[in-house]
C-alpha atoms as a PDB file:
ATOM      1  CA  UNK A   1     -48.645 -94.398 221.560  1.00  0.00           C
ATOM      2  CA  UNK A   2     -48.936 -94.145 217.786  1.00  0.00           C
ATOM      3  CA  UNK A   3     -47.384 -96.734 215.444  1.00  0.00           C
ATOM      4  CA  UNK A   4     -44.804 -94.314 213.976  1.00  0.00           C
ATOM      5  CA  UNK A   5     -43.410 -93.393 217.431  1.00  0.00           C
ATOM      6  CA  UNK A   6     -43.385 -97.044 218.458  1.00  0.00           C
ATOM      7  CA  UNK A   7     -41.408 -97.968 215.325  1.00  0.00           C
ATOM      8  CA  UNK A   8     -38.855 -95.186 215.974  1.00  0.00           C
ATOM      9  CA  UNK A   9     -38.422 -96.280 219.598  1.00  0.00           C
ATOM     10  CA  UNK A  10     -38.011 -99.872 218.453  1.00  0.00           C
ATOM     11  CA  UNK A  11     -35.292 -98.941 215.949  1.00  0.00           C
ATOM     12  CA  UNK A  12     -33.363 -96.972 218.538  1.00  0.00           C
ATOM     13  CA  UNK A  13     -33.561 -99.882 220.994  1.00  0.00           C
ATOM     14  CA  UNK A  14     -32.432-102.316 218.278  1.00  0.00           C
ATOM     15  CA  UNK A  15     -29.380-100.133 217.597  1.00  0.00           C
ATOM     16  CA  UNK A  16     -28.548 -99.994 221.332  1.00  0.00           C
ATOM     17  CA  UNK A  17     -28.914-103.773 221.642  1.00  0.00           C
ATOM     18  CA  UNK A  18     -26.867-104.454 218.510  1.00  0.00           C
ATOM     19  CA  UNK A  19     -24.115-102.096 219.666  1.00  0.00           C
ATOM     20  CA  UNK A  20     -24.105-103.755 223.070  1.00  0.00           C
ATOM     21  CA  UNK A  21     -23.705-107.221 221.551  1.00  0.00           C
ATOM     22  CA  UNK A  22     -21.029-106.250 219.014  1.00  0.00           C
ATOM     23  CA  UNK A  23     -18.994-103.885 221.193  1.00  0.00           C
ATOM     24  CA  UNK A  24     -19.186-106.467 223.962  1.00  0.00           C
ATOM     25  CA  UNK A  25     -18.065-109.316 221.713  1.00  0.00           C
ATOM     26  CA  UNK A  26     -15.429-107.629 219.520  1.00  0.00           C
ATOM     27  CA  UNK A  27     -14.621-104.375 221.296  1.00  0.00           C
ATOM     28  CA  UNK A  28     -15.178-100.844 220.066  1.00  0.00           C
ATOM     29  CA  UNK A  29     -12.198-100.631 217.718  1.00  0.00           C
ATOM     30  CA  UNK A  30     -13.129-103.811 215.831  1.00  0.00           C
ATOM     31  CA  UNK A  31     -16.807-102.972 215.350  1.00  0.00           C
ATOM     32  CA  UNK A  32     -17.988-100.825 212.440  1.00  0.00           C
ATOM     33  CA  UNK A  33     -21.130 -98.771 211.980  1.00  0.00           C
ATOM     34  CA  UNK A  34     -21.952-101.023 209.032  1.00  0.00           C
ATOM     35  CA  UNK A  35     -21.847-104.119 211.252  1.00  0.00           C
ATOM     36  CA  UNK A  36     -24.060-102.457 213.862  1.00  0.00           C
ATOM     37  CA  UNK A  37     -26.589-101.403 211.219  1.00  0.00           C
ATOM     38  CA  UNK A  38     -26.686-104.928 209.815  1.00  0.00           C
ATOM     39  CA  UNK A  39     -27.078-106.488 213.275  1.00  0.00           C
ATOM     40  CA  UNK A  40     -29.875-104.029 214.149  1.00  0.00           C
ATOM     41  CA  UNK A  41     -31.505-104.406 210.713  1.00  0.00           C
ATOM     42  CA  UNK A  42     -31.621-100.635 210.171  1.00  0.00           C
ATOM     43  CA  UNK A  43     -30.129 -98.182 207.675  1.00  0.00           C
ATOM     44  CA  UNK A  44     -26.643 -97.075 208.732  1.00  0.00           C
ATOM     45  CA  UNK A  45     -27.696 -93.412 208.668  1.00  0.00           C
ATOM     46  CA  UNK A  46     -30.143 -94.048 211.515  1.00  0.00           C
ATOM     47  CA  UNK A  47     -27.234 -94.637 213.901  1.00  0.00           C
ATOM     48  CA  UNK A  48     -25.958 -91.118 213.169  1.00  0.00           C
ATOM     49  CA  UNK A  49     -29.500 -89.764 213.446  1.00  0.00           C
ATOM     50  CA  UNK A  50     -29.983 -91.138 216.962  1.00  0.00           C
ATOM     51  CA  UNK A  51     -26.425 -91.070 218.342  1.00  0.00           C
ATOM     52  CA  UNK A  52     -24.393 -88.727 216.070  1.00  0.00           C
ATOM     53  CA  UNK A  53     -21.553 -91.244 215.620  1.00  0.00           C
ATOM     54  CA  UNK A  54     -20.076 -94.507 216.900  1.00  0.00           C
ATOM     55  CA  UNK A  55     -18.597 -92.795 219.955  1.00  0.00           C
ATOM     56  CA  UNK A  56     -21.991 -91.377 220.861  1.00  0.00           C
ATOM     57  CA  UNK A  57     -23.521 -94.840 220.589  1.00  0.00           C
ATOM     58  CA  UNK A  58     -20.864 -96.318 222.885  1.00  0.00           C
ATOM     59  CA  UNK A  59     -21.477 -93.604 225.493  1.00  0.00           C
ATOM     60  CA  UNK A  60     -25.261 -94.105 225.263  1.00  0.00           C
ATOM     61  CA  UNK A  61     -24.912 -97.873 225.746  1.00  0.00           C
ATOM     62  CA  UNK A  62     -22.553 -97.574 228.724  1.00  0.00           C
ATOM     63  CA  UNK A  63     -24.779 -94.943 230.325  1.00  0.00           C
ATOM     64  CA  UNK A  64     -27.943 -96.969 229.713  1.00  0.00           C
ATOM     65  CA  UNK A  65     -26.428-100.217 231.044  1.00  0.00           C
ATOM     66  CA  UNK A  66     -24.539 -98.672 233.957  1.00  0.00           C
ATOM     67  CA  UNK A  67     -26.769 -95.853 235.128  1.00  0.00           C
ATOM     68  CA  UNK A  68     -30.146 -96.810 233.709  1.00  0.00           C
ATOM     69  CA  UNK A  69     -30.125-100.526 234.482  1.00  0.00           C
ATOM     70  CA  UNK A  70     -27.062-101.400 236.568  1.00  0.00           C
ATOM     71  CA  UNK A  71     -27.690 -99.131 239.530  1.00  0.00           C
ATOM     72  CA  UNK A  72     -31.435 -99.941 239.930  1.00  0.00           C
ATOM     73  CA  UNK A  73     -30.571-103.667 239.680  1.00  0.00           C
ATOM     74  CA  UNK A  74     -27.896-103.212 242.331  1.00  0.00           C
ATOM     75  CA  UNK A  75     -30.418-101.494 244.602  1.00  0.00           C
ATOM     76  CA  UNK A  76     -32.727-104.478 244.287  1.00  0.00           C
ATOM     77  CA  UNK A  77     -29.888-106.932 244.998  1.00  0.00           C
ATOM     78  CA  UNK A  78     -28.759-105.056 248.100  1.00  0.00           C
ATOM     79  CA  UNK A  79     -32.161-104.058 249.469  1.00  0.00           C
ATOM     80  CA  UNK A  80     -32.080-106.524 252.397  1.00  0.00           C
ATOM     81  CA  UNK A  81     -28.598-105.602 253.657  1.00  0.00           C
ATOM     82  CA  UNK A  82     -28.480-104.587 257.305  1.00  0.00           C
ATOM     83  CA  UNK A  83     -24.927-103.297 257.957  1.00  0.00           C
ATOM     84  CA  UNK A  84     -21.956-101.741 256.162  1.00  0.00           C
ATOM     85  CA  UNK A  85     -19.691-104.792 256.128  1.00  0.00           C
ATOM     86  CA  UNK A  86     -22.488-106.981 254.807  1.00  0.00           C
ATOM     87  CA  UNK A  87     -23.243-104.314 252.207  1.00  0.00           C
ATOM     88  CA  UNK A  88     -19.692-104.325 250.848  1.00  0.00           C
ATOM     89  CA  UNK A  89     -19.481-108.119 250.921  1.00  0.00           C
ATOM     90  CA  UNK A  90     -22.732-108.461 248.991  1.00  0.00           C
ATOM     91  CA  UNK A  91     -21.769-105.652 246.581  1.00  0.00           C
ATOM     92  CA  UNK A  92     -18.445-107.377 245.880  1.00  0.00           C
ATOM     93  CA  UNK A  93     -20.133-110.742 245.264  1.00  0.00           C
ATOM     94  CA  UNK A  94     -22.688-109.077 242.998  1.00  0.00           C
ATOM     95  CA  UNK A  95     -20.027-107.253 240.926  1.00  0.00           C
ATOM     96  CA  UNK A  96     -17.976-110.445 240.503  1.00  0.00           C
ATOM     97  CA  UNK A  97     -21.102-112.324 239.400  1.00  0.00           C
ATOM     98  CA  UNK A  98     -21.843-109.530 236.895  1.00  0.00           C
ATOM     99  CA  UNK A  99     -18.302-109.873 235.549  1.00  0.00           C
ATOM    100  CA  UNK A 100     -18.819-113.636 235.177  1.00  0.00           C
ATOM    101  CA  UNK A 101     -22.285-113.480 233.615  1.00  0.00           C
ATOM    102  CA  UNK A 102     -21.917-110.321 231.496  1.00  0.00           C
ATOM    103  CA  UNK A 103     -18.274-109.936 230.407  1.00  0.00           C
ATOM    104  CA  UNK A 104     -19.462-107.869 227.424  1.00  0.00           C
ATOM    105  CA  UNK A 105     -20.523-105.082 229.794  1.00  0.00           C
ATOM    106  CA  UNK A 106     -16.963-104.794 231.102  1.00  0.00           C
ATOM    107  CA  UNK A 107     -15.535-105.009 227.562  1.00  0.00           C
ATOM    108  CA  UNK A 108     -17.588-101.949 226.638  1.00  0.00           C
ATOM    109  CA  UNK A 109     -16.479-100.047 229.722  1.00  0.00           C
ATOM    110  CA  UNK A 110     -12.848-100.881 228.906  1.00  0.00           C
ATOM    111  CA  UNK A 111     -13.415 -99.786 225.293  1.00  0.00           C
ATOM    112  CA  UNK A 112     -14.770 -96.453 226.500  1.00  0.00           C
ATOM    113  CA  UNK A 113     -11.795 -96.000 228.825  1.00  0.00           C
ATOM    114  CA  UNK A 114      -9.274 -96.798 226.067  1.00  0.00           C
ATOM    115  CA  UNK A 115     -10.941 -94.574 223.480  1.00  0.00           C
ATOM    116  CA  UNK A 116     -11.187 -91.718 225.969  1.00  0.00           C
ATOM    117  CA  UNK A 117      -7.371 -91.653 226.140  1.00  0.00           C
ATOM    118  CA  UNK A 118      -7.346 -90.756 222.440  1.00  0.00           C
ATOM    119  CA  UNK A 119     -10.400 -88.502 222.182  1.00  0.00           C
ATOM    120  CA  UNK A 120     -10.806 -85.522 224.534  1.00  0.00           C
ATOM    121  CA  UNK A 121     -14.582 -85.393 223.926  1.00  0.00           C
ATOM    122  CA  UNK A 122     -14.943 -88.992 225.071  1.00  0.00           C
ATOM    123  CA  UNK A 123     -12.753 -88.278 228.115  1.00  0.00           C
ATOM    124  CA  UNK A 124     -15.280 -85.616 229.169  1.00  0.00           C
ATOM    125  CA  UNK A 125     -18.141 -88.089 228.661  1.00  0.00           C
ATOM    126  CA  UNK A 126     -16.310 -90.750 230.674  1.00  0.00           C
ATOM    127  CA  UNK A 127     -15.746 -88.325 233.556  1.00  0.00           C
ATOM    128  CA  UNK A 128     -19.455 -87.482 233.529  1.00  0.00           C
ATOM    129  CA  UNK A 129     -20.378 -91.184 233.560  1.00  0.00           C
ATOM    130  CA  UNK A 130     -18.040 -91.800 236.499  1.00  0.00           C
ATOM    131  CA  UNK A 131     -19.626 -88.912 238.416  1.00  0.00           C
ATOM    132  CA  UNK A 132     -23.091 -90.319 237.680  1.00  0.00           C
ATOM    133  CA  UNK A 133     -21.945 -93.765 238.716  1.00  0.00           C
ATOM    134  CA  UNK A 134     -20.452 -92.509 241.982  1.00  0.00           C
ATOM    135  CA  UNK A 135     -23.649 -90.595 242.753  1.00  0.00           C
ATOM    136  CA  UNK A 136     -25.616 -93.758 241.976  1.00  0.00           C
ATOM    137  CA  UNK A 137     -23.427 -95.889 244.238  1.00  0.00           C
ATOM    138  CA  UNK A 138     -23.875 -93.370 247.047  1.00  0.00           C
ATOM    139  CA  UNK A 139     -27.623 -93.495 246.453  1.00  0.00           C
ATOM    140  CA  UNK A 140     -27.495 -97.303 246.756  1.00  0.00           C
ATOM    141  CA  UNK A 141     -25.584 -96.955 250.042  1.00  0.00           C
ATOM    142  CA  UNK A 142     -28.113 -94.470 251.413  1.00  0.00           C
ATOM    143  CA  UNK A 143     -31.068 -96.616 250.276  1.00  0.00           C
ATOM    144  CA  UNK A 144     -29.526 -99.520 252.181  1.00  0.00           C
ATOM    145  CA  UNK A 145     -29.587 -97.460 255.374  1.00  0.00           C
ATOM    146  CA  UNK A 146     -25.931 -96.456 255.366  1.00  0.00           C
ATOM    147  CA  UNK A 147     -25.311 -94.283 258.382  1.00  0.00           C
ATOM    148  CA  UNK A 148     -21.989 -92.575 258.790  1.00  0.00           C
ATOM    149  CA  UNK A 149     -20.042 -89.434 258.092  1.00  0.00           C
ATOM    150  CA  UNK A 150     -20.007 -87.968 254.582  1.00  0.00           C
ATOM    151  CA  UNK A 151     -16.334 -88.874 254.045  1.00  0.00           C
ATOM    152  CA  UNK A 152     -17.063 -92.467 255.087  1.00  0.00           C
ATOM    153  CA  UNK A 153     -19.852 -92.631 252.509  1.00  0.00           C
ATOM    154  CA  UNK A 154     -17.397 -91.406 249.847  1.00  0.00           C
ATOM    155  CA  UNK A 155     -14.838 -94.024 250.962  1.00  0.00           C
ATOM    156  CA  UNK A 156     -17.300 -96.890 250.640  1.00  0.00           C
ATOM    157  CA  UNK A 157     -18.496 -95.587 247.259  1.00  0.00           C
ATOM    158  CA  UNK A 158     -14.874 -95.322 246.073  1.00  0.00           C
ATOM    159  CA  UNK A 159     -14.179 -98.923 247.136  1.00  0.00           C
ATOM    160  CA  UNK A 160     -17.201-100.177 245.185  1.00  0.00           C
ATOM    161  CA  UNK A 161     -16.092 -98.111 242.171  1.00  0.00           C
ATOM    162  CA  UNK A 162     -12.602 -99.608 242.460  1.00  0.00           C
ATOM    163  CA  UNK A 163     -14.115-103.109 242.417  1.00  0.00           C
ATOM    164  CA  UNK A 164     -15.757-102.354 239.075  1.00  0.00           C
ATOM    165  CA  UNK A 165     -12.589-100.751 237.681  1.00  0.00           C
ATOM    166  CA  UNK A 166     -10.408-103.658 238.770  1.00  0.00           C
ATOM    167  CA  UNK A 167     -12.646-106.249 237.181  1.00  0.00           C
ATOM    168  CA  UNK A 168     -12.876-104.143 234.017  1.00  0.00           C
ATOM    169  CA  UNK A 169      -9.103-103.988 233.558  1.00  0.00           C
ATOM    170  CA  UNK A 170      -8.699-107.728 234.242  1.00  0.00           C
ATOM    171  CA  UNK A 171     -10.586-108.590 231.070  1.00  0.00           C
ATOM    172  CA  UNK A 172      -9.026-112.049 230.609  1.00  0.00           C
ATOM    173  CA  UNK A 173     -10.134-113.582 233.927  1.00  0.00           C
ATOM    174  CA  UNK A 174     -11.573-117.081 233.668  1.00  0.00           C
ATOM    175  CA  UNK A 175     -14.170-118.689 235.945  1.00  0.00           C
ATOM    176  CA  UNK A 176     -11.635-120.181 238.382  1.00  0.00           C
ATOM    177  CA  UNK A 177      -9.798-116.864 238.712  1.00  0.00           C
ATOM    178  CA  UNK A 178     -13.075-115.040 239.346  1.00  0.00           C
ATOM    179  CA  UNK A 179     -13.982-117.567 242.060  1.00  0.00           C
ATOM    180  CA  UNK A 180     -10.578-117.040 243.684  1.00  0.00           C
ATOM    181  CA  UNK A 181     -11.015-113.266 243.498  1.00  0.00           C
ATOM    182  CA  UNK A 182     -14.423-113.550 245.118  1.00  0.00           C
ATOM    183  CA  UNK A 183     -12.802-114.943 248.254  1.00  0.00           C
ATOM    184  CA  UNK A 184      -9.370-113.307 248.258  1.00  0.00           C
ATOM    185  CA  UNK A 185     -10.625-109.924 247.080  1.00  0.00           C
ATOM    186  CA  UNK A 186     -13.049-109.728 249.950  1.00  0.00           C
ATOM    187  CA  UNK A 187     -10.243-110.469 252.428  1.00  0.00           C
ATOM    188  CA  UNK A 188      -8.333-107.541 250.926  1.00  0.00           C
ATOM    189  CA  UNK A 189     -11.295-105.222 251.342  1.00  0.00           C
ATOM    190  CA  UNK A 190     -11.694-106.298 254.970  1.00  0.00           C
ATOM    191  CA  UNK A 191      -8.008-105.592 255.531  1.00  0.00           C
ATOM    192  CA  UNK A 192      -8.458-102.150 253.971  1.00  0.00           C
ATOM    193  CA  UNK A 193     -11.447-101.384 256.171  1.00  0.00           C
ATOM    194  CA  UNK A 194      -9.711-102.605 259.317  1.00  0.00           C
ATOM    195  CA  UNK A 195      -7.942 -99.239 259.361  1.00  0.00           C
ATOM    196  CA  UNK A 196      -4.460-100.272 258.323  1.00  0.00           C
ATOM    197  CA  UNK A 197      -4.724 -98.377 255.049  1.00  0.00           C
ATOM    198  CA  UNK A 198      -7.047 -95.648 256.287  1.00  0.00           C
ATOM    199  CA  UNK A 199      -4.575 -94.468 258.899  1.00  0.00           C
ATOM    200  CA  UNK A 200      -6.703 -95.537 261.860  1.00  0.00           C
END
């Protein structure tokens, strides 16, 4: 790799990292391109060069963190799971721990959701990200040896997606509340899977 390409890659990564930190700390609406450029130590025009605009940067960060890193990490965390109930229990614990350890990730996802209500172009991007995420969750399920009908696979993937959505909306949860959710939330999922809400 030549030095010029390495420098360009480094600048792009610095912008992604700076956007992640600032969007995660202050939210999308309260973060400016100028702040991101300063945090990344790059010229402000480079953000537009790589990502077109602030919205494009937000989408790139969410996609990189969710699809590029989140799903492979989840696969590693769940690789030893042996049955469906254990899979959901471990997935739930993992998502709650992510919410506790990386609240900025959920702040960005919430920012994208809120902005997509105002900007049709972002709404299209968000829908695409959700489709990619659902496909990724289904891939995780299949990698873990999930055996079942296609509609059952979709149901389990939808439950995992709902876990992420629920913890994204509840942005003000503290440590004690997250610990309570870890136990009580899992009881709710077990109740759901018992058939009472699936019409069994």
